[in-house]
Amino acid sequence: MSTLYISPGACSLASHIAVHELGLPIQVEKVALRTPDSPIHAINPLGRVPALQLDDGTLITENSAILPYLADQVPGTPLFAPAGSAERAQIQSWLGYLAAEVHTASFRPLNRPERYSADEAAHPGIRAQAVQQLYKAFEHIDTHLQNRQWLVGERFTLADAYLGVFASWLLRIGKPFDQLTGVARVREQWAARPGVQQALRAEGLL
């Protein structure tokens, strides 16, 4: 059986949600992060989640790769779109945007300023700039959502599964993100889905 390695509350929640949404027979294993003795280091040399190890030992990492792979195991699922379609490209575009602009470019310096400067005195400034960058990244999403129920195709897709994770992280920050009404609406719709609730419950987040 394939195994998905996750850490509770991390970005791997998106892939964990997809497993439940798709009803896939995949084992989900929780691992610690940022500890040298965590078993994740023996699976993924980068020590990061999500990491999907297939039955034959093949390793797939990064949400932007794992999410499409999981959806392709269920042909015709509304969570994705057919190969060669514009909708598929749009969903993948949002996955790339969320991974790059929201997670790496914004949340990472906010949560781990030590990766950008060894000078602790510089950390407050790094965090402040990261909040501004994060707001701009989410403002773009919010504008897109003003006349849409979901990111692509007026249905819940992989892109929304991923967006919901980061939108939920915003609750820790509060202002000014609470004025992004489109993002807040999608977050509420996301949180109400049975597949999302199953993953949250399994990670001890409910």
N, C-alpha and C. Protein backbone atom coordinates (compact mmCIF):
# COMPACT_ATOMS: atom_id res chain seq x y z
N MET A 1 0.84 -1.20 0.00
CA MET A 1 0.00 0.00 0.00
C MET A 1 0.87 1.25 0.00
N SER A 2 0.48 2.25 -0.78
CA SER A 2 1.20 3.51 -0.80
C SER A 2 1.03 4.23 0.53
N THR A 3 2.03 5.03 0.90
CA THR A 3 1.99 5.76 2.17
C THR A 3 2.21 7.24 1.94
N LEU A 4 1.33 8.05 2.51
CA LEU A 4 1.48 9.50 2.47
C LEU A 4 1.98 9.96 3.83
N TYR A 5 3.14 10.60 3.82
CA TYR A 5 3.73 11.11 5.07
C TYR A 5 3.31 12.57 5.24
N ILE A 6 2.74 12.85 6.40
CA ILE A 6 2.25 14.20 6.68
C ILE A 6 2.69 14.62 8.08
N SER A 7 2.57 15.90 8.36
CA SER A 7 2.77 16.41 9.72
C SER A 7 1.54 17.23 10.06
N PRO A 8 0.90 16.99 11.20
CA PRO A 8 -0.35 17.68 11.54
C PRO A 8 -0.25 19.20 11.43
N GLY A 9 -1.18 19.76 10.65
CA GLY A 9 -1.26 21.21 10.50
C GLY A 9 -0.32 21.80 9.47
N ALA A 10 0.55 20.98 8.88
CA ALA A 10 1.49 21.48 7.87
C ALA A 10 0.78 21.56 6.51
N CYS A 11 1.50 22.00 5.50
CA CYS A 11 0.92 22.13 4.16
C CYS A 11 0.51 20.78 3.59
N SER A 12 1.05 19.70 4.16
CA SER A 12 0.69 18.35 3.72
C SER A 12 -0.78 18.05 3.94
N LEU A 13 -1.47 18.89 4.72
CA LEU A 13 -2.91 18.72 4.92
C LEU A 13 -3.64 18.69 3.59
N ALA A 14 -3.17 19.43 2.59
CA ALA A 14 -3.84 19.47 1.29
C ALA A 14 -3.87 18.08 0.65
N SER A 15 -2.74 17.40 0.65
CA SER A 15 -2.69 16.05 0.07
C SER A 15 -3.47 15.06 0.93
N HIS A 16 -3.44 15.25 2.23
CA HIS A 16 -4.22 14.39 3.13
C HIS A 16 -5.72 14.54 2.83
N ILE A 17 -6.16 15.77 2.60
CA ILE A 17 -7.56 16.02 2.24
C ILE A 17 -7.90 15.30 0.94
N ALA A 18 -7.01 15.39 -0.04
CA ALA A 18 -7.27 14.75 -1.34
C ALA A 18 -7.46 13.25 -1.20
N VAL A 19 -6.69 12.62 -0.32
CA VAL A 19 -6.83 11.18 -0.10
C VAL A 19 -8.26 10.85 0.34
N HIS A 20 -8.80 11.66 1.27
CA HIS A 20 -10.16 11.43 1.75
C HIS A 20 -11.21 11.81 0.71
N GLU A 21 -11.02 12.93 0.04
CA GLU A 21 -11.97 13.37 -0.98
C GLU A 21 -12.09 12.33 -2.10
N LEU A 22 -10.98 11.71 -2.43
CA LEU A 22 -10.94 10.75 -3.54
C LEU A 22 -11.23 9.31 -3.09
N GLY A 23 -11.24 9.09 -1.78
CA GLY A 23 -11.49 7.75 -1.27
C GLY A 23 -10.40 6.76 -1.63
N LEU A 24 -9.15 7.20 -1.60
CA LEU A 24 -8.05 6.34 -2.02
C LEU A 24 -7.54 5.46 -0.88
N PRO A 25 -7.17 4.21 -1.20
CA PRO A 25 -6.63 3.30 -0.18
C PRO A 25 -5.15 3.57 0.08
N ILE A 26 -4.89 4.69 0.69
CA ILE A 26 -3.51 5.11 0.96
C ILE A 26 -3.33 5.25 2.47
N GLN A 27 -2.26 4.68 2.97
CA GLN A 27 -1.95 4.80 4.40
C GLN A 27 -1.39 6.20 4.65
N VAL A 28 -1.84 6.84 5.72
CA VAL A 28 -1.35 8.17 6.09
C VAL A 28 -0.56 8.04 7.38
N GLU A 29 0.69 8.45 7.34
CA GLU A 29 1.57 8.34 8.50
C GLU A 29 2.03 9.73 8.95
N LYS A 30 1.83 10.01 10.24
CA LYS A 30 2.26 11.29 10.79
C LYS A 30 3.73 11.22 11.18
N VAL A 31 4.45 12.29 10.87
CA VAL A 31 5.86 12.38 11.24
C VAL A 31 6.14 13.76 11.81
N ALA A 32 7.18 13.84 12.60
CA ALA A 32 7.61 15.13 13.15
C ALA A 32 8.47 15.85 12.11
N LEU A 33 8.52 17.16 12.22
CA LEU A 33 9.37 17.97 11.35
C LEU A 33 10.42 18.69 12.19
N ARG A 34 11.51 19.04 11.54
CA ARG A 34 12.59 19.81 12.17
C ARG A 34 13.23 19.09 13.35
N THR A 35 13.15 17.75 13.35
CA THR A 35 13.86 16.97 14.36
C THR A 35 14.74 15.96 13.62
N PRO A 36 16.02 15.87 14.00
CA PRO A 36 16.94 15.02 13.25
C PRO A 36 16.61 13.53 13.29
N ASP A 37 15.84 13.09 14.30
CA ASP A 37 15.53 11.66 14.40
C ASP A 37 14.19 11.30 13.77
N SER A 38 13.54 12.26 13.10
CA SER A 38 12.25 11.96 12.47
C SER A 38 12.42 10.99 11.32
N PRO A 39 11.51 10.02 11.19
CA PRO A 39 11.61 9.05 10.08
C PRO A 39 11.48 9.68 8.70
N ILE A 40 11.01 10.93 8.63
CA ILE A 40 10.84 11.57 7.32
C ILE A 40 12.18 11.71 6.60
N HIS A 41 13.27 11.82 7.35
CA HIS A 41 14.59 11.98 6.72
C HIS A 41 15.01 10.74 5.95
N ALA A 42 14.49 9.60 6.35
CA ALA A 42 14.81 8.36 5.63
C ALA A 42 13.94 8.20 4.39
N ILE A 43 12.86 8.96 4.32
CA ILE A 43 11.95 8.90 3.18
C ILE A 43 12.27 10.00 2.18
N ASN A 44 12.32 11.22 2.67
CA ASN A 44 12.59 12.39 1.83
C ASN A 44 13.89 13.04 2.33
N PRO A 45 14.95 13.04 1.53
CA PRO A 45 16.22 13.62 1.97
C PRO A 45 16.11 15.08 2.40
N LEU A 46 15.08 15.78 1.92
CA LEU A 46 14.89 17.18 2.31
C LEU A 46 14.22 17.30 3.67
N GLY A 47 13.70 16.20 4.20
CA GLY A 47 13.07 16.23 5.50
C GLY A 47 11.75 16.97 5.52
N ARG A 48 11.06 16.99 4.37
CA ARG A 48 9.82 17.76 4.26
C ARG A 48 8.63 16.87 3.94
N VAL A 49 7.46 17.40 4.25
CA VAL A 49 6.18 16.76 3.88
C VAL A 49 5.43 17.74 2.98
N PRO A 50 4.50 17.20 2.17
CA PRO A 50 4.12 15.80 2.04
C PRO A 50 5.15 15.00 1.24
N ALA A 51 5.14 13.70 1.51
CA ALA A 51 5.95 12.77 0.73
C ALA A 51 5.09 11.53 0.51
N LEU A 52 4.95 11.14 -0.73
CA LEU A 52 4.13 9.98 -1.08
C LEU A 52 5.05 8.87 -1.59
N GLN A 53 5.08 7.77 -0.86
CA GLN A 53 5.88 6.63 -1.28
C GLN A 53 4.95 5.56 -1.84
N LEU A 54 5.15 5.22 -3.10
CA LEU A 54 4.30 4.25 -3.77
C LEU A 54 4.70 2.82 -3.40
N ASP A 55 3.85 1.88 -3.80
CA ASP A 55 4.08 0.47 -3.46
C ASP A 55 5.46 -0.02 -3.90
N ASP A 56 5.92 0.49 -5.04
CA ASP A 56 7.21 0.00 -5.57
C ASP A 56 8.40 0.79 -5.05
N GLY A 57 8.15 1.70 -4.09
CA GLY A 57 9.23 2.48 -3.50
C GLY A 57 9.44 3.83 -4.14
N THR A 58 8.78 4.10 -5.26
CA THR A 58 8.91 5.40 -5.92
C THR A 58 8.45 6.51 -4.97
N LEU A 59 9.21 7.59 -4.94
CA LEU A 59 8.88 8.71 -4.06
C LEU A 59 8.42 9.92 -4.87
N ILE A 60 7.31 10.52 -4.45
CA ILE A 60 6.82 11.76 -5.04
C ILE A 60 6.73 12.78 -3.92
N THR A 61 7.28 13.97 -4.14
CA THR A 61 7.22 15.02 -3.14
C THR A 61 6.56 16.27 -3.73
N GLU A 62 6.21 17.21 -2.87
CA GLU A 62 5.59 18.50 -3.20
C GLU A 62 4.10 18.34 -3.52
N ASN A 63 3.29 19.17 -2.87
CA ASN A 63 1.85 19.17 -3.11
C ASN A 63 1.51 19.36 -4.59
N SER A 64 2.27 20.22 -5.26
CA SER A 64 1.96 20.53 -6.65
C SER A 64 2.12 19.32 -7.57
N ALA A 65 2.85 18.30 -7.11
CA ALA A 65 2.98 17.06 -7.88
C ALA A 65 2.08 15.96 -7.31
N ILE A 66 2.01 15.87 -6.00
CA ILE A 66 1.23 14.81 -5.37
C ILE A 66 -0.27 14.98 -5.63
N LEU A 67 -0.78 16.20 -5.53
CA LEU A 67 -2.22 16.41 -5.73
C LEU A 67 -2.69 15.96 -7.11
N PRO A 68 -2.04 16.37 -8.21
CA PRO A 68 -2.47 15.87 -9.53
C PRO A 68 -2.32 14.36 -9.66
N TYR A 69 -1.25 13.80 -9.09
CA TYR A 69 -1.06 12.35 -9.16
C TYR A 69 -2.21 11.62 -8.48
N LEU A 70 -2.59 12.08 -7.30
CA LEU A 70 -3.69 11.43 -6.58
C LEU A 70 -4.98 11.52 -7.37
N ALA A 71 -5.28 12.69 -7.91
CA ALA A 71 -6.52 12.87 -8.67
C ALA A 71 -6.54 11.99 -9.91
N ASP A 72 -5.40 11.79 -10.53
CA ASP A 72 -5.34 10.96 -11.74
C ASP A 72 -5.59 9.48 -11.43
N GLN A 73 -5.56 9.11 -10.16
CA GLN A 73 -5.88 7.73 -9.80
C GLN A 73 -7.38 7.47 -9.83
N VAL A 74 -8.16 8.55 -9.95
CA VAL A 74 -9.62 8.45 -10.02
C VAL A 74 -10.07 9.19 -11.28
N PRO A 75 -9.97 8.57 -12.45
CA PRO A 75 -10.32 9.24 -13.71
C PRO A 75 -11.73 9.83 -13.66
N GLY A 76 -11.84 11.06 -14.13
CA GLY A 76 -13.13 11.72 -14.18
C GLY A 76 -13.53 12.44 -12.91
N THR A 77 -12.67 12.41 -11.87
CA THR A 77 -13.01 13.10 -10.64
C THR A 77 -13.20 14.60 -10.88
N PRO A 78 -14.20 15.21 -10.26
CA PRO A 78 -14.40 16.65 -10.42
C PRO A 78 -13.32 17.48 -9.73
N LEU A 79 -12.46 16.83 -8.94
CA LEU A 79 -11.39 17.56 -8.28
C LEU A 79 -10.32 18.03 -9.26
N PHE A 80 -10.29 17.42 -10.47
CA PHE A 80 -9.29 17.80 -11.46
C PHE A 80 -10.00 17.99 -12.78
N ALA A 81 -9.30 17.87 -13.89
CA ALA A 81 -9.90 18.04 -15.21
C ALA A 81 -9.10 17.20 -16.21
N PRO A 82 -9.67 16.91 -17.37
CA PRO A 82 -9.00 16.04 -18.35
C PRO A 82 -7.68 16.61 -18.86
N ALA A 83 -6.76 15.73 -19.19
CA ALA A 83 -5.48 16.13 -19.77
C ALA A 83 -5.72 16.93 -21.04
N GLY A 84 -4.98 18.02 -21.20
CA GLY A 84 -5.11 18.85 -22.39
C GLY A 84 -6.18 19.91 -22.29
N SER A 85 -6.97 19.91 -21.20
CA SER A 85 -8.04 20.91 -21.07
C SER A 85 -7.53 22.19 -20.42
N ALA A 86 -8.19 23.30 -20.73
CA ALA A 86 -7.83 24.58 -20.13
C ALA A 86 -8.07 24.55 -18.63
N GLU A 87 -9.14 23.87 -18.20
CA GLU A 87 -9.42 23.80 -16.76
C GLU A 87 -8.29 23.12 -16.01
N ARG A 88 -7.75 22.06 -16.58
CA ARG A 88 -6.63 21.36 -15.92
C ARG A 88 -5.45 22.31 -15.76
N ALA A 89 -5.16 23.07 -16.81
CA ALA A 89 -4.06 24.03 -16.74
C ALA A 89 -4.33 25.12 -15.72
N GLN A 90 -5.59 25.57 -15.62
CA GLN A 90 -5.94 26.60 -14.64
C GLN A 90 -5.77 26.07 -13.22
N ILE A 91 -6.20 24.84 -12.98
CA ILE A 91 -6.03 24.25 -11.65
C ILE A 91 -4.55 24.14 -11.31
N GLN A 92 -3.75 23.69 -12.27
CA GLN A 92 -2.32 23.57 -12.03
C GLN A 92 -1.66 24.94 -11.83
N SER A 93 -2.18 25.94 -12.52
CA SER A 93 -1.67 27.30 -12.34
C SER A 93 -1.88 27.78 -10.91
N TRP A 94 -3.06 27.52 -10.37
CA TRP A 94 -3.33 27.92 -8.98
C TRP A 94 -2.48 27.11 -8.00
N LEU A 95 -2.27 25.84 -8.27
CA LEU A 95 -1.39 25.05 -7.40
C LEU A 95 0.01 25.66 -7.38
N GLY A 96 0.50 26.06 -8.53
CA GLY A 96 1.82 26.68 -8.60
C GLY A 96 1.86 28.02 -7.89
N TYR A 97 0.81 28.81 -8.05
CA TYR A 97 0.74 30.12 -7.39
C TYR A 97 0.73 29.96 -5.87
N LEU A 98 -0.08 29.03 -5.38
CA LEU A 98 -0.17 28.83 -3.93
C LEU A 98 1.15 28.33 -3.36
N ALA A 99 1.81 27.43 -4.08
CA ALA A 99 3.08 26.90 -3.60
C ALA A 99 4.17 27.98 -3.60
N ALA A 100 4.20 28.78 -4.67
CA ALA A 100 5.28 29.75 -4.81
C ALA A 100 5.01 31.07 -4.09
N GLU A 101 3.90 31.73 -4.45
CA GLU A 101 3.63 33.07 -3.95
C GLU A 101 3.10 33.10 -2.51
N VAL A 102 2.27 32.12 -2.18
CA VAL A 102 1.67 32.12 -0.84
C VAL A 102 2.57 31.39 0.17
N HIS A 103 2.95 30.16 -0.14
CA HIS A 103 3.71 29.38 0.83
C HIS A 103 5.17 29.82 0.91
N THR A 104 5.90 29.64 -0.19
CA THR A 104 7.34 29.88 -0.15
C THR A 104 7.70 31.36 -0.01
N ALA A 105 7.06 32.22 -0.79
CA ALA A 105 7.44 33.63 -0.80
C ALA A 105 6.90 34.41 0.39
N SER A 106 5.83 33.93 1.01
CA SER A 106 5.18 34.73 2.05
C SER A 106 5.15 34.05 3.42
N PHE A 107 4.55 32.87 3.51
CA PHE A 107 4.48 32.21 4.82
C PHE A 107 5.85 31.79 5.34
N ARG A 108 6.75 31.38 4.44
CA ARG A 108 8.05 30.90 4.91
C ARG A 108 8.85 31.98 5.61
N PRO A 109 9.02 33.18 5.03
CA PRO A 109 9.74 34.20 5.78
C PRO A 109 8.99 34.67 7.02
N LEU A 110 7.66 34.60 7.00
CA LEU A 110 6.89 34.98 8.18
C LEU A 110 7.14 34.01 9.33
N ASN A 111 7.14 32.72 9.03
CA ASN A 111 7.29 31.71 10.07
C ASN A 111 8.73 31.35 10.40
N ARG A 112 9.62 31.55 9.42
CA ARG A 112 11.02 31.14 9.64
C ARG A 112 11.98 32.22 9.16
N PRO A 113 11.96 33.37 9.81
CA PRO A 113 12.85 34.47 9.37
C PRO A 113 14.33 34.14 9.50
N GLU A 114 14.66 33.14 10.35
CA GLU A 114 16.05 32.76 10.52
C GLU A 114 16.65 32.19 9.25
N ARG A 115 15.80 31.78 8.31
CA ARG A 115 16.31 31.28 7.04
C ARG A 115 16.76 32.42 6.13
N TYR A 116 16.41 33.64 6.49
CA TYR A 116 16.71 34.80 5.64
C TYR A 116 17.73 35.73 6.27
N SER A 117 17.94 35.59 7.58
CA SER A 117 18.97 36.38 8.24
C SER A 117 19.34 35.72 9.56
N ALA A 118 20.64 35.64 9.82
CA ALA A 118 21.11 35.09 11.10
C ALA A 118 21.03 36.13 12.20
N ASP A 119 20.78 37.37 11.82
CA ASP A 119 20.68 38.47 12.78
C ASP A 119 19.26 38.53 13.34
N GLU A 120 19.10 38.17 14.61
CA GLU A 120 17.77 38.15 15.21
C GLU A 120 17.11 39.52 15.22
N ALA A 121 17.92 40.57 15.23
CA ALA A 121 17.36 41.92 15.22
C ALA A 121 16.64 42.21 13.91
N ALA A 122 16.99 41.46 12.87
CA ALA A 122 16.36 41.68 11.56
C ALA A 122 15.05 40.92 11.42
N HIS A 123 14.77 39.99 12.30
CA HIS A 123 13.60 39.13 12.15
C HIS A 123 12.27 39.86 12.19
N PRO A 124 12.07 40.84 13.08
CA PRO A 124 10.79 41.57 13.05
C PRO A 124 10.53 42.25 11.70
N GLY A 125 11.56 42.80 11.10
CA GLY A 125 11.40 43.45 9.81
C GLY A 125 11.08 42.46 8.70
N ILE A 126 11.71 41.30 8.77
CA ILE A 126 11.43 40.25 7.79
C ILE A 126 9.98 39.79 7.90
N ARG A 127 9.52 39.61 9.14
CA ARG A 127 8.14 39.18 9.35
C ARG A 127 7.15 40.25 8.88
N ALA A 128 7.46 41.50 9.15
CA ALA A 128 6.56 42.58 8.74
C ALA A 128 6.45 42.64 7.22
N GLN A 129 7.57 42.49 6.54
CA GLN A 129 7.55 42.51 5.08
C GLN A 129 6.81 41.30 4.54
N ALA A 130 6.97 40.15 5.22
CA ALA A 130 6.30 38.93 4.78
C ALA A 130 4.78 39.07 4.89
N VAL A 131 4.31 39.74 5.93
CA VAL A 131 2.86 39.96 6.08
C VAL A 131 2.34 40.80 4.91
N GLN A 132 3.08 41.82 4.53
CA GLN A 132 2.68 42.66 3.39
C GLN A 132 2.63 41.84 2.10
N GLN A 133 3.66 41.03 1.90
CA GLN A 133 3.71 40.18 0.71
C GLN A 133 2.56 39.17 0.72
N LEU A 134 2.29 38.62 1.89
CA LEU A 134 1.21 37.64 2.03
C LEU A 134 -0.14 38.28 1.71
N TYR A 135 -0.33 39.52 2.18
CA TYR A 135 -1.60 40.19 1.90
C TYR A 135 -1.78 40.41 0.40
N LYS A 136 -0.72 40.84 -0.27
CA LYS A 136 -0.81 41.04 -1.72
C LYS A 136 -1.13 39.74 -2.45
N ALA A 137 -0.53 38.66 -1.98
CA ALA A 137 -0.77 37.35 -2.62
C ALA A 137 -2.23 36.93 -2.44
N PHE A 138 -2.77 37.15 -1.26
CA PHE A 138 -4.16 36.78 -1.00
C PHE A 138 -5.15 37.77 -1.59
N GLU A 139 -4.74 39.01 -1.72
CA GLU A 139 -5.61 40.02 -2.33
C GLU A 139 -5.92 39.63 -3.78
N HIS A 140 -4.91 39.12 -4.47
CA HIS A 140 -5.10 38.65 -5.85
C HIS A 140 -6.13 37.52 -5.89
N ILE A 141 -6.02 36.59 -4.94
CA ILE A 141 -6.96 35.48 -4.86
C ILE A 141 -8.36 35.99 -4.55
N ASP A 142 -8.45 36.90 -3.60
CA ASP A 142 -9.74 37.42 -3.18
C ASP A 142 -10.46 38.13 -4.33
N THR A 143 -9.73 38.90 -5.12
CA THR A 143 -10.31 39.59 -6.27
C THR A 143 -10.86 38.57 -7.27
N HIS A 144 -10.10 37.51 -7.49
CA HIS A 144 -10.54 36.45 -8.41
C HIS A 144 -11.83 35.79 -7.92
N LEU A 145 -11.99 35.70 -6.60
CA LEU A 145 -13.12 34.98 -6.03
C LEU A 145 -14.39 35.82 -5.88
N GLN A 146 -14.33 37.09 -6.19
CA GLN A 146 -15.47 37.97 -5.92
C GLN A 146 -16.74 37.53 -6.64
N ASN A 147 -16.63 37.02 -7.83
CA ASN A 147 -17.81 36.57 -8.58
C ASN A 147 -17.78 35.08 -8.86
N ARG A 148 -17.05 34.34 -8.02
CA ARG A 148 -16.91 32.90 -8.20
C ARG A 148 -17.09 32.18 -6.88
N GLN A 149 -17.64 30.98 -6.93
CA GLN A 149 -17.78 30.19 -5.71
C GLN A 149 -16.47 29.51 -5.35
N TRP A 150 -15.74 29.05 -6.36
CA TRP A 150 -14.46 28.37 -6.17
C TRP A 150 -13.45 28.94 -7.16
N LEU A 151 -12.20 28.48 -7.08
CA LEU A 151 -11.15 29.04 -7.92
C LEU A 151 -11.33 28.73 -9.40
N VAL A 152 -11.76 27.50 -9.72
CA VAL A 152 -11.85 27.09 -11.12
C VAL A 152 -13.13 26.28 -11.34
N GLY A 153 -13.84 26.60 -12.41
CA GLY A 153 -14.95 25.76 -12.86
C GLY A 153 -16.18 25.70 -11.97
N GLU A 154 -16.29 26.63 -11.01
CA GLU A 154 -17.46 26.65 -10.12
C GLU A 154 -17.70 25.33 -9.41
N ARG A 155 -16.61 24.64 -9.07
CA ARG A 155 -16.71 23.42 -8.28
C ARG A 155 -15.44 23.29 -7.45
N PHE A 156 -15.51 22.54 -6.37
CA PHE A 156 -14.36 22.30 -5.51
C PHE A 156 -13.34 21.45 -6.26
N THR A 157 -12.11 21.95 -6.35
CA THR A 157 -11.05 21.22 -7.03
C THR A 157 -9.81 21.13 -6.13
N LEU A 158 -8.78 20.51 -6.66
CA LEU A 158 -7.51 20.42 -5.95
C LEU A 158 -7.01 21.79 -5.52
N ALA A 159 -7.25 22.79 -6.36
CA ALA A 159 -6.79 24.15 -6.04
C ALA A 159 -7.44 24.66 -4.76
N ASP A 160 -8.73 24.37 -4.57
CA ASP A 160 -9.43 24.82 -3.38
C ASP A 160 -9.00 24.02 -2.15
N ALA A 161 -8.70 22.74 -2.34
CA ALA A 161 -8.21 21.93 -1.23
C ALA A 161 -6.92 22.53 -0.68
N TYR A 162 -6.07 22.99 -1.58
CA TYR A 162 -4.79 23.60 -1.21
C TYR A 162 -5.00 25.00 -0.64
N LEU A 163 -5.83 25.78 -1.28
CA LEU A 163 -6.11 27.14 -0.81
C LEU A 163 -6.67 27.13 0.61
N GLY A 164 -7.56 26.19 0.90
CA GLY A 164 -8.18 26.14 2.22
C GLY A 164 -7.17 25.99 3.34
N VAL A 165 -6.10 25.25 3.09
CA VAL A 165 -5.06 25.07 4.11
C VAL A 165 -4.45 26.43 4.47
N PHE A 166 -4.04 27.17 3.46
CA PHE A 166 -3.40 28.45 3.72
C PHE A 166 -4.39 29.49 4.25
N ALA A 167 -5.62 29.43 3.76
CA ALA A 167 -6.65 30.34 4.26
C ALA A 167 -6.90 30.10 5.74
N SER A 168 -6.81 28.84 6.16
CA SER A 168 -7.00 28.54 7.59
C SER A 168 -5.84 29.06 8.42
N TRP A 169 -4.64 29.10 7.85
CA TRP A 169 -3.49 29.65 8.56
C TRP A 169 -3.65 31.14 8.84
N LEU A 170 -4.43 31.82 8.00
CA LEU A 170 -4.63 33.26 8.17
C LEU A 170 -5.35 33.58 9.47
N LEU A 171 -6.11 32.63 9.99
CA LEU A 171 -6.86 32.87 11.23
C LEU A 171 -5.92 33.16 12.40
N ARG A 172 -4.68 32.72 12.30
CA ARG A 172 -3.70 32.99 13.35
C ARG A 172 -3.22 34.44 13.31
N ILE A 173 -3.40 35.08 12.16
CA ILE A 173 -2.89 36.44 11.98
C ILE A 173 -3.96 37.49 12.26
N GLY A 174 -5.18 37.23 11.75
CA GLY A 174 -6.27 38.19 11.95
C GLY A 174 -6.18 39.35 10.99
N LYS A 175 -6.26 40.56 11.48
CA LYS A 175 -6.21 41.74 10.62
C LYS A 175 -4.89 41.82 9.91
N PRO A 176 -4.87 42.30 8.66
CA PRO A 176 -5.99 42.81 7.86
C PRO A 176 -6.67 41.74 7.01
N PHE A 177 -6.30 40.47 7.22
CA PHE A 177 -6.77 39.40 6.33
C PHE A 177 -8.25 39.09 6.49
N ASP A 178 -8.83 39.49 7.63
CA ASP A 178 -10.24 39.18 7.84
C ASP A 178 -11.16 40.00 6.94
N GLN A 179 -10.62 40.98 6.23
CA GLN A 179 -11.45 41.76 5.30
C GLN A 179 -11.50 41.14 3.90
N LEU A 180 -10.79 40.05 3.71
CA LEU A 180 -10.80 39.36 2.42
C LEU A 180 -11.99 38.41 2.39
N THR A 181 -13.12 38.92 1.98
CA THR A 181 -14.39 38.19 2.11
C THR A 181 -14.47 36.95 1.22
N GLY A 182 -13.89 37.01 0.03
CA GLY A 182 -13.91 35.86 -0.87
C GLY A 182 -13.11 34.70 -0.29
N VAL A 183 -11.96 35.02 0.26
CA VAL A 183 -11.11 33.99 0.87
C VAL A 183 -11.81 33.40 2.09
N ALA A 184 -12.44 34.24 2.90
CA ALA A 184 -13.15 33.77 4.09
C ALA A 184 -14.30 32.84 3.71
N ARG A 185 -15.01 33.18 2.65
CA ARG A 185 -16.14 32.35 2.20
C ARG A 185 -15.65 30.97 1.75
N VAL A 186 -14.58 30.93 0.96
CA VAL A 186 -14.04 29.65 0.51
C VAL A 186 -13.52 28.85 1.70
N ARG A 187 -12.92 29.52 2.66
CA ARG A 187 -12.44 28.81 3.85
C ARG A 187 -13.58 28.13 4.59
N GLU A 188 -14.71 28.81 4.71
CA GLU A 188 -15.87 28.23 5.40
C GLU A 188 -16.44 27.05 4.61
N GLN A 189 -16.51 27.19 3.29
CA GLN A 189 -17.01 26.10 2.44
C GLN A 189 -16.06 24.90 2.51
N TRP A 190 -14.79 25.19 2.50
CA TRP A 190 -13.74 24.17 2.60
C TRP A 190 -13.87 23.40 3.91
N ALA A 191 -13.99 24.12 5.01
CA ALA A 191 -14.04 23.51 6.34
C ALA A 191 -15.27 22.65 6.55
N ALA A 192 -16.34 22.91 5.78
CA ALA A 192 -17.59 22.17 5.93
C ALA A 192 -17.60 20.86 5.17
N ARG A 193 -16.62 20.64 4.31
CA ARG A 193 -16.62 19.42 3.50
C ARG A 193 -16.25 18.20 4.34
N PRO A 194 -16.98 17.08 4.17
CA PRO A 194 -16.68 15.86 4.94
C PRO A 194 -15.23 15.39 4.78
N GLY A 195 -14.70 15.46 3.55
CA GLY A 195 -13.32 15.03 3.33
C GLY A 195 -12.32 15.88 4.10
N VAL A 196 -12.58 17.17 4.16
CA VAL A 196 -11.71 18.07 4.92
C VAL A 196 -11.82 17.76 6.40
N GLN A 197 -13.03 17.56 6.88
CA GLN A 197 -13.23 17.27 8.29
C GLN A 197 -12.57 15.94 8.69
N GLN A 198 -12.63 14.96 7.81
CA GLN A 198 -11.97 13.68 8.09
C GLN A 198 -10.47 13.87 8.27
N ALA A 199 -9.86 14.65 7.38
CA ALA A 199 -8.42 14.88 7.45
C ALA A 199 -8.07 15.69 8.70
N LEU A 200 -8.87 16.72 8.98
CA LEU A 200 -8.61 17.55 10.17
C LEU A 200 -8.73 16.71 11.44
N ARG A 201 -9.74 15.86 11.48
CA ARG A 201 -9.94 15.02 12.66
C ARG A 201 -8.76 14.04 12.83
N ALA A 202 -8.33 13.46 11.73
CA ALA A 202 -7.22 12.51 11.78
C ALA A 202 -5.93 13.18 12.24
N GLU A 203 -5.79 14.48 11.96
CA GLU A 203 -4.58 15.21 12.36
C GLU A 203 -4.72 15.86 13.73
N GLY A 204 -5.88 15.66 14.36
CA GLY A 204 -6.10 16.24 15.68
C GLY A 204 -6.34 17.73 15.65
N LEU A 205 -6.90 18.22 14.54
CA LEU A 205 -7.10 19.66 14.36
C LEU A 205 -8.54 20.10 14.54
N LEU A 206 -9.43 19.17 14.88
CA LEU A 206 -10.83 19.53 15.15
C LEU A 206 -11.08 19.50 16.64
